[in-house]
Protein backbone atom coordinates (compact mmCIF):
# COMPACT_ATOMS: atom_id res chain seq x y z
CA MET A 1 -6.36 -40.82 31.52
CA ASN A 2 -8.95 -38.66 29.69
CA ARG A 3 -8.12 -35.73 31.93
CA ARG A 4 -4.44 -36.00 31.04
CA LEU A 5 -5.26 -36.08 27.33
CA LEU A 6 -7.43 -32.99 27.75
CA TRP A 7 -4.55 -31.07 29.37
CA VAL A 8 -2.17 -32.09 26.57
CA ALA A 9 -4.71 -30.88 23.99
CA ILE A 10 -5.14 -27.54 25.79
CA ALA A 11 -1.37 -27.04 26.06
CA GLY A 12 -0.97 -27.90 22.38
CA THR A 13 -3.66 -25.39 21.39
CA ILE A 14 -2.03 -22.65 23.46
CA LEU A 15 1.38 -23.40 21.92
CA PHE A 16 -0.08 -23.36 18.41
CA ALA A 17 -1.89 -20.03 18.99
CA SER A 18 1.33 -18.52 20.39
CA LEU A 19 3.32 -19.61 17.34
CA VAL A 20 0.72 -18.21 14.94
CA GLY A 21 0.74 -14.88 16.81
CA TYR A 22 4.53 -14.74 16.72
CA ARG A 23 4.61 -15.46 12.96
CA LEU A 24 2.03 -12.76 12.24
CA ALA A 25 3.98 -10.22 14.27
CA THR A 26 7.29 -11.04 12.58
CA MET A 27 5.79 -11.13 9.09
CA GLY A 28 4.58 -7.56 9.26
CA GLY A 29 1.09 -8.38 10.47
CA ARG A 30 1.14 -5.25 12.61
CA VAL A 31 -0.59 -2.27 11.10
CA GLU A 32 0.50 1.23 11.90
CA LYS A 33 -1.79 4.24 11.94
CA MET A 34 -1.53 6.72 9.13
CA THR A 35 1.14 9.12 10.23
CA ALA A 36 2.70 12.34 9.11
CA PRO A 37 6.38 12.02 8.24
CA VAL A 38 8.86 13.05 10.90
CA THR A 39 11.44 14.34 8.44
CA ALA A 40 11.41 15.37 4.80
CA PRO A 41 11.92 12.38 2.48
CA ARG A 42 15.17 11.95 0.60
CA LEU A 43 13.20 10.84 -2.43
CA SER A 44 11.16 13.05 -4.70
CA VAL A 45 8.24 10.98 -5.90
CA PHE A 46 8.41 12.84 -9.20
CA GLU A 47 11.82 11.28 -9.91
CA LEU A 48 10.27 7.83 -10.32
CA THR A 49 9.95 6.48 -13.84
CA LEU A 50 8.21 3.13 -14.20
CA THR A 51 6.63 0.94 -16.85
CA ASP A 52 2.88 0.53 -17.26
CA LEU A 53 1.10 -2.70 -18.18
CA ASN A 54 1.52 -1.96 -21.89
CA GLY A 55 5.29 -1.56 -21.58
CA LYS A 56 5.12 2.23 -21.90
CA THR A 57 7.34 4.39 -19.67
CA GLN A 58 5.46 6.52 -17.16
CA ASN A 59 7.03 9.28 -15.07
CA LEU A 60 5.23 10.24 -11.90
CA ALA A 61 6.04 13.89 -12.70
CA GLN A 62 3.01 13.83 -15.04
CA TRP A 63 0.85 14.09 -11.91
CA ARG A 64 2.66 17.10 -10.46
CA GLY A 65 0.16 19.57 -8.98
CA LYS A 66 -2.27 16.83 -7.89
CA VAL A 67 -2.84 15.19 -4.55
CA LEU A 68 -0.95 11.96 -5.27
CA ILE A 69 -1.48 8.66 -3.50
CA VAL A 70 1.26 6.12 -4.21
CA ASN A 71 0.46 2.58 -3.11
CA TYR A 72 3.16 -0.11 -3.06
CA TRP A 73 1.42 -3.47 -3.44
CA ALA A 74 1.62 -7.01 -4.86
CA THR A 75 -0.91 -9.42 -6.35
CA TRP A 76 -0.13 -12.04 -3.68
CA CYS A 77 -0.65 -9.58 -0.79
CA GLN A 78 -4.13 -10.10 0.73
CA PRO A 79 -4.35 -6.71 2.52
CA CYS A 80 -3.34 -5.06 -0.78
CA ARG A 81 -6.15 -6.84 -2.58
CA GLU A 82 -8.64 -5.79 0.11
CA GLU A 83 -7.85 -2.06 -0.05
CA MET A 84 -7.76 -1.66 -3.84
CA PRO A 85 -11.55 -1.52 -4.46
CA GLY A 86 -11.80 1.35 -1.95
CA PHE A 87 -8.91 3.13 -3.65
CA SER A 88 -10.72 2.78 -6.99
CA ARG A 89 -13.88 4.26 -5.52
CA LEU A 90 -11.91 7.20 -4.09
CA GLN A 91 -10.12 7.70 -7.43
CA ASN A 92 -13.48 7.93 -9.17
CA ARG A 93 -14.97 10.19 -6.50
CA TYR A 94 -12.07 12.70 -6.28
CA HIS A 95 -10.44 12.60 -9.71
CA ASP A 96 -12.16 15.82 -10.77
CA LYS A 97 -10.82 17.49 -7.60
CA GLY A 98 -7.20 16.84 -8.56
CA VAL A 99 -6.57 13.50 -6.84
CA GLN A 100 -4.51 10.77 -8.51
CA PHE A 101 -3.85 7.24 -7.27
CA VAL A 102 -0.93 5.18 -8.60
CA GLY A 103 -0.20 1.56 -7.71
CA ILE A 104 3.37 0.27 -7.87
CA SER A 105 3.88 -3.49 -7.88
CA SER A 106 6.94 -5.70 -8.23
CA ASP A 107 4.87 -8.30 -10.08
CA THR A 108 5.12 -8.90 -13.81
CA ALA A 109 2.68 -7.24 -16.20
CA ASP A 110 1.08 -10.63 -16.94
CA LYS A 111 0.35 -11.27 -13.25
CA ILE A 112 -1.11 -7.79 -12.78
CA ILE A 113 -3.29 -8.09 -15.89
CA GLU A 114 -4.57 -11.47 -14.63
CA PHE A 115 -5.21 -9.92 -11.20
CA GLN A 116 -7.24 -7.11 -12.79
CA GLU A 117 -9.67 -9.63 -14.27
CA THR A 118 -11.04 -10.21 -10.76
CA THR A 119 -10.09 -6.92 -9.06
CA PRO A 120 -10.04 -4.08 -11.59
CA ALA A 121 -8.39 -0.80 -10.59
CA THR A 122 -9.53 2.56 -11.96
CA TYR A 123 -6.07 4.08 -11.58
CA PRO A 124 -2.69 3.34 -13.19
CA LEU A 125 -0.87 0.22 -12.04
CA LEU A 126 2.85 0.45 -12.71
CA ILE A 127 5.64 -2.10 -12.49
CA GLY A 128 8.54 -1.44 -10.17
CA ASN A 129 11.76 -3.36 -9.85
CA LEU A 130 13.42 -4.27 -6.57
CA GLY A 131 15.17 -0.88 -6.42
CA ILE A 132 11.87 0.96 -6.79
CA MET A 133 10.30 -1.15 -4.08
CA GLU A 134 13.29 -0.44 -1.82
CA SER A 135 12.78 3.28 -2.48
CA SER A 136 9.70 3.07 -0.27
CA ALA A 137 12.14 2.93 2.67
CA LYS A 138 13.08 6.53 1.86
CA LEU A 139 9.41 7.37 2.32
CA GLY A 140 9.29 5.72 5.74
CA ASN A 141 8.70 2.04 4.92
CA ILE A 142 11.80 0.83 6.73
CA ARG A 143 10.29 -2.66 7.18
CA GLN A 144 9.73 -2.96 3.41
CA GLY A 145 6.26 -4.32 4.16
CA LEU A 146 3.20 -4.33 1.93
CA PRO A 147 0.90 -2.65 1.41
CA PHE A 148 2.55 0.70 1.95
CA THR A 149 0.80 3.94 1.01
CA ALA A 150 2.33 7.41 0.74
CA VAL A 151 0.14 10.51 0.35
CA PHE A 152 1.59 13.67 -1.22
CA ASP A 153 0.08 17.14 -1.28
CA ARG A 154 -0.21 19.23 -4.46
CA GLU A 155 3.33 20.57 -3.99
CA GLY A 156 4.77 17.04 -3.81
CA ASN A 157 5.40 17.13 -0.07
CA LEU A 158 4.93 13.86 1.77
CA SER A 159 1.81 14.37 3.88
CA ALA A 160 1.20 10.92 5.40
CA THR A 161 2.20 7.27 5.17
CA LYS A 162 0.75 3.97 6.28
CA LEU A 163 2.20 0.50 6.43
CA GLY A 164 -0.63 -2.03 6.29
CA ARG A 165 -4.17 -2.01 4.98
CA LEU A 166 -5.57 1.50 4.64
CA SER A 167 -9.34 1.84 4.90
CA GLU A 168 -11.32 3.90 2.44
CA LEU A 169 -12.81 5.96 5.27
CA GLU A 170 -9.43 6.76 6.84
CA LEU A 171 -7.91 7.81 3.52
CA GLU A 172 -10.96 9.84 2.50
CA GLY A 173 -10.55 12.03 5.58
CA GLN A 174 -6.94 12.73 4.61
CA LEU A 175 -7.95 13.51 1.00
CA LYS A 176 -10.68 15.95 2.05
CA GLU A 177 -8.15 17.82 4.16
CA LEU A 178 -5.59 18.02 1.33
CA ILE A 179 -8.18 19.04 -1.27
CA SER A 180 -9.38 21.93 0.89
CA ARG A 181 -5.91 23.49 1.16
């Protein structure tokens, strides 16, 4: 009888692990490597106008001529929360070399301000509506997953994108290459 119970427990564990793996895969748990775009985007990043945490309108065109990293994120997204401290360090390290990070979230200003109490960002965090978040599909985020990061060169050309958590080391290599151009 104990042997039968053991086999039922093993089968149950295998079934549970399979279901968890399936849910992670269907919820966007897969992470893609940072890739160069296949085609030119239909969206100019400099067309985006968003609101900052103080309610002031911000146009991304103000960062024209800089290497621009646009990160779509949310306060509830754990991978987003994990990559933001590294983005802040890179912002501080490369700001004087013409690099600018911008975070775009669909959260409310109150939620983002509360989030910053525990995870401060050294770059602008802007509020996007559903249409702005959907615009990331025009940059290659066809799954509409988070986090999604788009890297633009100084001319505003889309240089690379990544769906999923982006490591500080991986992004720093891309920034060094774009700064040296």
